[in-house]
Structures are given as C-alpha cells and as structure tokens.
C-alpha atoms as a PDB file:
ATOM      1  CA  MET A   1      92.104  87.574 108.829  1.00  0.00           C
ATOM      2  CA  LYS A   2      88.610  86.055 109.088  1.00  0.00           C
ATOM      3  CA  LYS A   3      87.405  88.055 106.068  1.00  0.00           C
ATOM      4  CA  PHE A   4      90.365  86.788 104.046  1.00  0.00           C
ATOM      5  CA  ALA A   5      89.591  83.167 104.986  1.00  0.00           C
ATOM      6  CA  VAL A   6      85.930  83.566 104.042  1.00  0.00           C
ATOM      7  CA  LEU A   7      86.898  85.198 100.753  1.00  0.00           C
ATOM      8  CA  ALA A   8      89.409  82.446  99.979  1.00  0.00           C
ATOM      9  CA  VAL A   9      86.814  79.744 100.659  1.00  0.00           C
ATOM     10  CA  GLY A  10      84.275  81.611  98.548  1.00  0.00           C
ATOM     11  CA  LEU A  11      86.650  81.944  95.625  1.00  0.00           C
ATOM     12  CA  THR A  12      87.567  78.266  95.856  1.00  0.00           C
ATOM     13  CA  LEU A  13      83.920  77.184  95.836  1.00  0.00           C
ATOM     14  CA  ALA A  14      83.110  79.567  92.996  1.00  0.00           C
ATOM     15  CA  THR A  15      85.952  78.109  90.965  1.00  0.00           C
ATOM     16  CA  VAL A  16      84.683  74.571  91.585  1.00  0.00           C
ATOM     17  CA  ALA A  17      81.120  75.511  90.666  1.00  0.00           C
ATOM     18  CA  VAL A  18      82.173  77.359  87.517  1.00  0.00           C
ATOM     19  CA  ALA A  19      84.506  74.553  86.377  1.00  0.00           C
ATOM     20  CA  TYR A  20      81.490  72.273  85.864  1.00  0.00           C
ATOM     21  CA  GLU A  21      79.163  72.979  82.928  1.00  0.00           C
ATOM     22  CA  ILE A  22      75.565  72.804  84.122  1.00  0.00           C
ATOM     23  CA  LYS A  23      73.457  70.726  81.750  1.00  0.00           C
ATOM     24  CA  HIS A  24      69.915  71.271  83.063  1.00  0.00           C
ATOM     25  CA  PRO A  25      68.565  74.572  81.680  1.00  0.00           C
ATOM     26  CA  ASN A  26      66.758  75.600  84.870  1.00  0.00           C
ATOM     27  CA  LEU A  27      69.801  74.878  87.014  1.00  0.00           C
ATOM     28  CA  ARG A  28      71.966  76.744  84.513  1.00  0.00           C
ATOM     29  CA  ASP A  29      69.667  79.753  84.960  1.00  0.00           C
ATOM     30  CA  ALA A  30      69.850  79.418  88.743  1.00  0.00           C
ATOM     31  CA  MET A  31      73.648  79.319  88.569  1.00  0.00           C
ATOM     32  CA  GLY A  32      73.648  82.471  86.452  1.00  0.00           C
ATOM     33  CA  ALA A  33      71.265  84.221  88.839  1.00  0.00           C
ATOM     34  CA  ALA A  34      73.510  83.409  91.804  1.00  0.00           C
ATOM     35  CA  ASP A  35      76.533  84.637  89.852  1.00  0.00           C
ATOM     36  CA  ASN A  36      74.682  87.833  88.972  1.00  0.00           C
ATOM     37  CA  ALA A  37      73.739  88.355  92.632  1.00  0.00           C
ATOM     38  CA  ILE A  38      77.373  87.952  93.680  1.00  0.00           C
ATOM     39  CA  LYS A  39      78.439  90.534  91.081  1.00  0.00           C
ATOM     40  CA  HIS A  40      75.798  92.982  92.343  1.00  0.00           C
ATOM     41  CA  ILE A  41      76.923  92.561  95.948  1.00  0.00           C
ATOM     42  CA  LYS A  42      80.562  93.092  94.997  1.00  0.00           C
ATOM     43  CA  SER A  43      79.573  96.180  93.034  1.00  0.00           C
ATOM     44  CA  ALA A  44      77.656  97.497  96.050  1.00  0.00           C
ATOM     45  CA  GLN A  45      80.743  96.934  98.205  1.00  0.00           C
ATOM     46  CA  ALA A  46      82.966  98.766  95.727  1.00  0.00           C
ATOM     47  CA  ASN A  47      80.525 101.667  95.448  1.00  0.00           C
ATOM     48  CA  ASN A  48      80.038 101.922  99.194  1.00  0.00           C
ATOM     49  CA  LYS A  49      83.542 103.328  99.697  1.00  0.00           C
ATOM     50  CA  GLY A  50      84.856 101.149 102.493  1.00  0.00           C
ATOM     51  CA  VAL A  51      81.680 100.387 104.426  1.00  0.00           C
ATOM     52  CA  GLU A  52      81.479  96.611 104.376  1.00  0.00           C
ATOM     53  CA  PHE A  53      77.796  96.172 105.297  1.00  0.00           C
ATOM     54  CA  GLY A  54      78.734  94.781 108.698  1.00  0.00           C
ATOM     55  CA  GLY A  55      80.107  91.576 107.189  1.00  0.00           C
ATOM     56  CA  HIS A  56      76.685  90.681 105.792  1.00  0.00           C
ATOM     57  CA  ALA A  57      77.727  91.217 102.175  1.00  0.00           C
ATOM     58  CA  GLU A  58      80.627  88.775 102.563  1.00  0.00           C
ATOM     59  CA  LYS A  59      78.317  86.272 104.266  1.00  0.00           C
ATOM     60  CA  ALA A  60      75.808  86.619 101.413  1.00  0.00           C
ATOM     61  CA  ILE A  61      78.573  85.993  98.876  1.00  0.00           C
ATOM     62  CA  GLU A  62      79.698  82.958 100.847  1.00  0.00           C
ATOM     63  CA  LEU A  63      76.165  81.532 100.965  1.00  0.00           C
ATOM     64  CA  LEU A  64      75.510  82.227  97.286  1.00  0.00           C
ATOM     65  CA  THR A  65      78.770  80.491  96.438  1.00  0.00           C
ATOM     66  CA  GLN A  66      77.701  77.504  98.537  1.00  0.00           C
ATOM     67  CA  ALA A  67      74.381  77.531  96.671  1.00  0.00           C
ATOM     68  CA  GLN A  68      76.280  77.420  93.386  1.00  0.00           C
ATOM     69  CA  GLN A  69      78.164  74.371  94.610  1.00  0.00           C
ATOM     70  CA  GLU A  70      74.881  72.675  95.510  1.00  0.00           C
ATOM     71  CA  ILE A  71      73.409  73.562  92.107  1.00  0.00           C
ATOM     72  CA  ALA A  72      76.400  71.948  90.396  1.00  0.00           C
ATOM     73  CA  GLU A  73      76.154  68.871  92.629  1.00  0.00           C
ATOM     74  CA  GLY A  74      72.422  68.601  91.920  1.00  0.00           C
ATOM     75  CA  ASP A  75      73.064  68.758  88.200  1.00  0.00           C
ATOM     76  CA  ARG A  76      75.786  66.111  88.461  1.00  0.00           C
ATOM     77  CA  TYR A  77      73.386  63.886  90.389  1.00  0.00           C
ATOM     78  CA  ASN A  78      70.642  64.463  87.830  1.00  0.00           C
ATOM     79  CA  GLU A  79      72.975  63.589  84.962  1.00  0.00           C
ATOM     80  CA  SER A  80      74.168  60.386  86.608  1.00  0.00           C
ATOM     81  CA  HIS A  81      70.656  59.182  87.508  1.00  0.00           C
ATOM     82  CA  ARG A  82      68.804  59.948  84.302  1.00  0.00           C
ATOM     83  CA  PRO A  83      67.556  57.061  82.213  1.00  0.00           C
ATOM     84  CA  HIS A  84      69.603  56.871  79.026  1.00  0.00           C
END
C-alpha cells in the first residue's frame, strides 16, 4: 500500500508541474531533464522484470517529481518578480 501512496503522490505532483508552462529557458531544460530521468528510471523498472531496486527507484521518482514542483514554483516566482 505504501508504494501505491508514493506513486499516487508522485503522479499528482507530476501533473501539477506539467500543467504549468515553464517560461525561463534554463528551468525549462531542467524540467525536461528531470522528466527524462523519471522516464529512464521507469524503463529500468520495466526492464528489470519485477525487481524494484529496493524501493530506491520509486524514491528517486518521488524526489525528481518534487524537484519538478520546485522548478515550476521557482519559475512562477521569477515571473511574478521580474521588472516589466
């Protein structure tokens, strides 16, 4: 059940992060890199035929998803505090 809860939280955060369009080009690249890392981890899980990396892969996905949320929040902050 714990894995399901972590996955659900991760998917929710990923949805929130993706729903916002990152404006700053460097942060946009960082968001893409985190997304790419998540895809690679999920691919490793799928190719590993049931061995779940001791929960570390799920934790990495969770942390990368949190990083994406912070990237989006940083971009929002930047946009709202820029001189116009």
